[in-house]
Amino acid sequence: MLLSNELGRLLNVADKLVQQHNDAYISSELFVLAATEDEGELGRILRQAGASKSLVEQAIEQVRGGETVQDELHKFYSDA
């Protein structure tokens, strides 16, 4: 399967964020974080909706509480 250049760049940025967060996988929240700075259509839409890198980083910290993604099905919430 061939990826567009734009998607490939976005995945590369997300992979760098994985390393910075000491995660083992690209999580959906890190993909969104990478997309907030994307210069393409996705980044434009997110910024137009009010998303910013700092706001998404704050939300990730609030949800994760310092935890990292170490498996494919990692959850940061209780099933209770």
N, C-alpha and C. Protein backbone atom coordinates (compact mmCIF):
# COMPACT_ATOMS: atom_id res chain seq x y z
N MET A 1 0.84 -1.16 0.00
CA MET A 1 0.00 0.00 0.00
C MET A 1 0.90 1.24 0.00
N LEU A 2 0.56 2.20 -0.81
CA LEU A 2 1.32 3.44 -0.94
C LEU A 2 0.67 4.53 -0.09
N LEU A 3 1.47 5.23 0.70
CA LEU A 3 0.98 6.35 1.50
C LEU A 3 1.24 7.66 0.77
N SER A 4 0.37 8.61 0.97
CA SER A 4 0.64 9.92 0.41
C SER A 4 1.83 10.53 1.14
N ASN A 5 2.49 11.45 0.51
CA ASN A 5 3.62 12.14 1.16
C ASN A 5 3.17 12.84 2.44
N GLU A 6 1.99 13.44 2.38
CA GLU A 6 1.47 14.17 3.54
C GLU A 6 1.23 13.23 4.71
N LEU A 7 0.63 12.07 4.46
CA LEU A 7 0.38 11.10 5.52
C LEU A 7 1.70 10.54 6.04
N GLY A 8 2.63 10.28 5.15
CA GLY A 8 3.95 9.79 5.56
C GLY A 8 4.65 10.77 6.49
N ARG A 9 4.59 12.07 6.18
CA ARG A 9 5.20 13.09 7.03
C ARG A 9 4.50 13.13 8.40
N LEU A 10 3.19 13.04 8.38
CA LEU A 10 2.42 13.08 9.62
C LEU A 10 2.77 11.88 10.51
N LEU A 11 2.90 10.71 9.92
CA LEU A 11 3.28 9.52 10.69
C LEU A 11 4.71 9.64 11.24
N ASN A 12 5.60 10.25 10.48
CA ASN A 12 6.97 10.47 10.96
C ASN A 12 6.97 11.39 12.18
N VAL A 13 6.18 12.46 12.13
CA VAL A 13 6.08 13.37 13.27
C VAL A 13 5.48 12.64 14.47
N ALA A 14 4.45 11.85 14.23
CA ALA A 14 3.82 11.08 15.31
C ALA A 14 4.82 10.09 15.91
N ASP A 15 5.66 9.48 15.07
CA ASP A 15 6.66 8.55 15.57
C ASP A 15 7.68 9.26 16.46
N LYS A 16 8.05 10.47 16.12
CA LYS A 16 8.96 11.25 16.97
C LYS A 16 8.30 11.57 18.31
N LEU A 17 7.00 11.84 18.28
CA LEU A 17 6.27 12.10 19.53
C LEU A 17 6.22 10.84 20.39
N VAL A 18 6.10 9.67 19.76
CA VAL A 18 6.12 8.40 20.47
C VAL A 18 7.41 8.28 21.27
N GLN A 19 8.52 8.61 20.64
CA GLN A 19 9.82 8.54 21.31
C GLN A 19 9.89 9.54 22.47
N GLN A 20 9.40 10.74 22.25
CA GLN A 20 9.43 11.77 23.30
C GLN A 20 8.58 11.39 24.51
N HIS A 21 7.49 10.66 24.25
CA HIS A 21 6.58 10.26 25.33
C HIS A 21 6.91 8.87 25.89
N ASN A 22 7.99 8.26 25.39
CA ASN A 22 8.40 6.92 25.83
C ASN A 22 7.31 5.88 25.61
N ASP A 23 6.55 6.04 24.54
CA ASP A 23 5.51 5.07 24.18
C ASP A 23 6.10 4.00 23.26
N ALA A 24 5.36 2.91 23.11
CA ALA A 24 5.78 1.83 22.23
C ALA A 24 5.03 1.86 20.90
N TYR A 25 3.91 2.59 20.86
CA TYR A 25 3.06 2.63 19.67
C TYR A 25 2.60 4.06 19.40
N ILE A 26 2.19 4.32 18.17
CA ILE A 26 1.55 5.59 17.83
C ILE A 26 0.10 5.48 18.28
N SER A 27 -0.25 6.23 19.29
CA SER A 27 -1.63 6.25 19.78
C SER A 27 -2.43 7.30 19.01
N SER A 28 -3.72 7.19 19.09
CA SER A 28 -4.58 8.15 18.38
C SER A 28 -4.34 9.57 18.88
N GLU A 29 -4.09 9.73 20.18
CA GLU A 29 -3.89 11.08 20.70
C GLU A 29 -2.58 11.69 20.21
N LEU A 30 -1.55 10.88 20.02
CA LEU A 30 -0.30 11.42 19.48
C LEU A 30 -0.43 11.72 17.99
N PHE A 31 -1.26 10.96 17.30
CA PHE A 31 -1.52 11.26 15.89
C PHE A 31 -2.23 12.61 15.77
N VAL A 32 -3.20 12.84 16.65
CA VAL A 32 -3.91 14.14 16.65
C VAL A 32 -2.94 15.26 17.03
N LEU A 33 -2.08 15.01 18.02
CA LEU A 33 -1.10 16.02 18.41
C LEU A 33 -0.20 16.37 17.23
N ALA A 34 0.26 15.38 16.51
CA ALA A 34 1.09 15.64 15.33
C ALA A 34 0.30 16.43 14.29
N ALA A 35 -0.96 16.11 14.14
CA ALA A 35 -1.79 16.76 13.13
C ALA A 35 -2.05 18.23 13.44
N THR A 36 -1.96 18.63 14.71
CA THR A 36 -2.22 20.03 15.05
C THR A 36 -1.19 20.96 14.41
N GLU A 37 -0.02 20.44 14.11
CA GLU A 37 1.01 21.27 13.49
C GLU A 37 1.19 20.96 12.00
N ASP A 38 0.34 20.08 11.48
CA ASP A 38 0.40 19.72 10.07
C ASP A 38 0.02 20.92 9.21
N GLU A 39 0.73 21.11 8.13
CA GLU A 39 0.45 22.24 7.24
C GLU A 39 -0.59 21.90 6.18
N GLY A 40 -1.06 20.66 6.18
CA GLY A 40 -2.05 20.23 5.21
C GLY A 40 -3.47 20.49 5.67
N GLU A 41 -4.39 19.85 4.99
CA GLU A 41 -5.82 20.05 5.23
C GLU A 41 -6.23 19.64 6.65
N LEU A 42 -5.71 18.52 7.13
CA LEU A 42 -6.09 18.05 8.46
C LEU A 42 -5.68 19.06 9.53
N GLY A 43 -4.46 19.55 9.47
CA GLY A 43 -4.01 20.55 10.43
C GLY A 43 -4.84 21.81 10.37
N ARG A 44 -5.18 22.23 9.17
CA ARG A 44 -6.01 23.43 9.00
C ARG A 44 -7.37 23.24 9.65
N ILE A 45 -7.98 22.08 9.44
CA ILE A 45 -9.30 21.80 10.00
C ILE A 45 -9.24 21.77 11.53
N LEU A 46 -8.21 21.12 12.08
CA LEU A 46 -8.08 21.07 13.53
C LEU A 46 -7.89 22.46 14.13
N ARG A 47 -7.02 23.25 13.54
CA ARG A 47 -6.80 24.61 14.05
C ARG A 47 -8.04 25.46 13.91
N GLN A 48 -8.76 25.28 12.82
CA GLN A 48 -9.99 26.03 12.61
C GLN A 48 -11.04 25.66 13.67
N ALA A 49 -10.98 24.42 14.15
CA ALA A 49 -11.90 23.97 15.19
C ALA A 49 -11.44 24.35 16.59
N GLY A 50 -10.27 25.01 16.68
CA GLY A 50 -9.79 25.49 17.97
C GLY A 50 -8.72 24.63 18.61
N ALA A 51 -8.30 23.57 17.93
CA ALA A 51 -7.25 22.71 18.49
C ALA A 51 -5.89 23.39 18.33
N SER A 52 -5.06 23.20 19.33
CA SER A 52 -3.69 23.69 19.26
C SER A 52 -2.80 22.64 19.91
N LYS A 53 -1.52 22.72 19.62
CA LYS A 53 -0.59 21.75 20.20
C LYS A 53 -0.66 21.78 21.72
N SER A 54 -0.66 22.97 22.30
CA SER A 54 -0.66 23.07 23.76
C SER A 54 -1.94 22.52 24.38
N LEU A 55 -3.08 22.79 23.77
CA LEU A 55 -4.34 22.27 24.30
C LEU A 55 -4.40 20.75 24.21
N VAL A 56 -3.93 20.19 23.10
CA VAL A 56 -3.94 18.73 22.94
C VAL A 56 -2.95 18.10 23.92
N GLU A 57 -1.78 18.73 24.10
CA GLU A 57 -0.81 18.21 25.08
C GLU A 57 -1.41 18.20 26.49
N GLN A 58 -2.12 19.26 26.85
CA GLN A 58 -2.77 19.32 28.17
C GLN A 58 -3.80 18.21 28.33
N ALA A 59 -4.59 17.99 27.28
CA ALA A 59 -5.62 16.94 27.34
C ALA A 59 -4.98 15.56 27.46
N ILE A 60 -3.88 15.34 26.74
CA ILE A 60 -3.18 14.05 26.82
C ILE A 60 -2.67 13.82 28.24
N GLU A 61 -2.07 14.83 28.84
CA GLU A 61 -1.56 14.69 30.21
C GLU A 61 -2.69 14.43 31.19
N GLN A 62 -3.81 15.11 31.00
CA GLN A 62 -4.95 14.93 31.89
C GLN A 62 -5.50 13.51 31.78
N VAL A 63 -5.61 13.00 30.58
CA VAL A 63 -6.17 11.66 30.38
C VAL A 63 -5.18 10.58 30.80
N ARG A 64 -3.93 10.74 30.42
CA ARG A 64 -2.91 9.72 30.70
C ARG A 64 -2.42 9.74 32.14
N GLY A 65 -2.36 10.90 32.73
CA GLY A 65 -1.85 11.00 34.08
C GLY A 65 -0.41 10.51 34.20
N GLY A 66 0.39 10.74 33.16
CA GLY A 66 1.79 10.34 33.19
C GLY A 66 2.07 8.94 32.69
N GLU A 67 1.03 8.17 32.40
CA GLU A 67 1.23 6.81 31.88
C GLU A 67 1.69 6.85 30.43
N THR A 68 2.27 5.75 29.98
CA THR A 68 2.71 5.63 28.59
C THR A 68 1.96 4.50 27.91
N VAL A 69 1.99 4.49 26.58
CA VAL A 69 1.35 3.44 25.80
C VAL A 69 2.39 2.37 25.54
N GLN A 70 2.18 1.19 26.12
CA GLN A 70 3.12 0.10 25.97
C GLN A 70 2.53 -1.12 25.29
N ASP A 71 1.23 -1.09 25.04
CA ASP A 71 0.60 -2.17 24.29
C ASP A 71 -0.48 -1.59 23.39
N GLU A 72 -0.92 -2.40 22.45
CA GLU A 72 -1.85 -1.92 21.42
C GLU A 72 -3.22 -1.55 21.97
N LEU A 73 -3.61 -2.10 23.09
CA LEU A 73 -4.95 -1.89 23.61
C LEU A 73 -4.95 -1.11 24.93
N HIS A 74 -3.91 -0.35 25.18
CA HIS A 74 -3.77 0.38 26.43
C HIS A 74 -4.95 1.34 26.63
N LYS A 75 -5.49 1.33 27.83
CA LYS A 75 -6.60 2.23 28.16
C LYS A 75 -6.21 3.09 29.35
N PHE A 76 -6.63 4.34 29.35
CA PHE A 76 -6.31 5.27 30.42
C PHE A 76 -7.52 5.59 31.27
N TYR A 77 -8.55 4.78 31.21
CA TYR A 77 -9.74 5.06 31.98
C TYR A 77 -10.22 3.76 32.62
N SER A 78 -11.08 3.89 33.58
CA SER A 78 -11.61 2.73 34.28
C SER A 78 -12.87 2.24 33.59
N ASP A 79 -13.07 0.96 33.58
CA ASP A 79 -14.29 0.38 33.01
C ASP A 79 -15.45 0.44 33.99
N ALA A 80 -15.21 0.94 35.18
CA ALA A 80 -16.23 0.95 36.24
C ALA A 80 -17.40 1.82 35.88
